[in-house]
């Protein structure tokens, strides 16, 4: 093979390598974004559950206090 053919082959290999890196990077970014979204949804669910429990607990506390004041 002559020098020009070697150069062309090397450029093609570099182009393929960069394409693979870019594709892998894009895939990683997509998965990372999906995980962040999942985490946000899960944490919102936890916050909602915690708020509901606090509301129930406070309502029960208020009812007990009102009942003891009315006796």
Protein backbone atom coordinates (compact mmCIF):
# COMPACT_ATOMS: atom_id res chain seq x y z
CA UNK A 1 0.00 0.00 0.00
CA UNK A 2 1.20 3.46 -0.73
CA UNK A 3 1.39 6.31 1.75
CA UNK A 4 -1.84 7.98 0.52
CA UNK A 5 -3.84 4.77 1.00
CA UNK A 6 -2.49 4.43 4.54
CA UNK A 7 -3.50 8.03 5.28
CA UNK A 8 -7.00 7.44 3.92
CA UNK A 9 -7.38 4.25 5.95
CA UNK A 10 -6.24 6.03 9.11
CA UNK A 11 -8.69 8.89 8.49
CA UNK A 12 -11.52 6.41 7.95
CA UNK A 13 -10.64 4.58 11.17
CA UNK A 14 -10.56 7.88 13.06
CA UNK A 15 -13.95 8.85 11.62
CA UNK A 16 -15.46 5.50 12.63
CA UNK A 17 -13.93 5.78 16.11
CA UNK A 18 -15.31 9.28 16.60
CA UNK A 19 -18.72 8.11 15.41
CA UNK A 20 -18.72 5.30 17.95
CA UNK A 21 -17.66 7.68 20.73
CA UNK A 22 -20.35 10.18 19.78
CA UNK A 23 -23.03 7.49 19.63
CA UNK A 24 -21.97 6.08 22.99
CA UNK A 25 -21.92 9.57 24.48
CA UNK A 26 -25.40 10.32 23.19
CA UNK A 27 -26.69 6.98 24.51
CA UNK A 28 -25.13 7.63 27.92
CA UNK A 29 -26.68 11.10 28.03
CA UNK A 30 -30.11 9.68 27.17
CA UNK A 31 -29.90 7.02 29.87
CA UNK A 32 -28.63 9.56 32.40
CA UNK A 33 -31.52 11.92 31.62
CA UNK A 34 -34.02 9.07 31.93
CA UNK A 35 -32.59 8.12 35.33
CA UNK A 36 -32.84 11.72 36.53
CA UNK A 37 -36.46 11.87 35.39
CA UNK A 38 -37.23 8.59 37.16
CA UNK A 39 -35.57 9.89 40.32
CA UNK A 40 -37.61 13.10 40.20
CA UNK A 41 -40.87 11.20 39.75
CA UNK A 42 -40.00 8.85 42.61
CA UNK A 43 -39.05 11.70 44.94
CA UNK A 44 -42.25 13.56 44.10
CA UNK A 45 -44.20 10.43 45.01
CA UNK A 46 -42.30 10.16 48.31
CA UNK A 47 -42.94 13.83 49.06
CA UNK A 48 -46.63 13.41 48.26
CA UNK A 49 -46.88 10.39 50.54
CA UNK A 50 -45.06 12.20 53.34
CA UNK A 51 -47.36 15.21 53.00
CA UNK A 52 -50.45 12.98 53.08
CA UNK A 53 -49.19 11.20 56.21
CA UNK A 54 -48.41 14.51 57.92
CA UNK A 55 -51.86 15.82 57.06
CA UNK A 56 -53.52 12.66 58.42
CA UNK A 57 -51.40 12.75 61.56
CA UNK A 58 -52.15 16.41 62.19
CA UNK A 59 -55.88 15.88 61.58
CA UNK A 60 -55.94 13.00 64.05
CA UNK A 61 -54.03 15.08 66.59
CA UNK A 62 -56.50 17.95 66.17
CA UNK A 63 -59.49 15.59 66.58
CA UNK A 64 -58.07 14.10 69.77
CA UNK A 65 -57.39 17.56 71.15
CA UNK A 66 -60.91 18.75 70.30
CA UNK A 67 -62.45 15.64 71.87
CA UNK A 68 -60.51 16.10 75.10
CA UNK A 69 -61.45 19.81 75.23
CA UNK A 70 -65.13 19.00 74.76
CA UNK A 71 -65.26 16.52 77.65
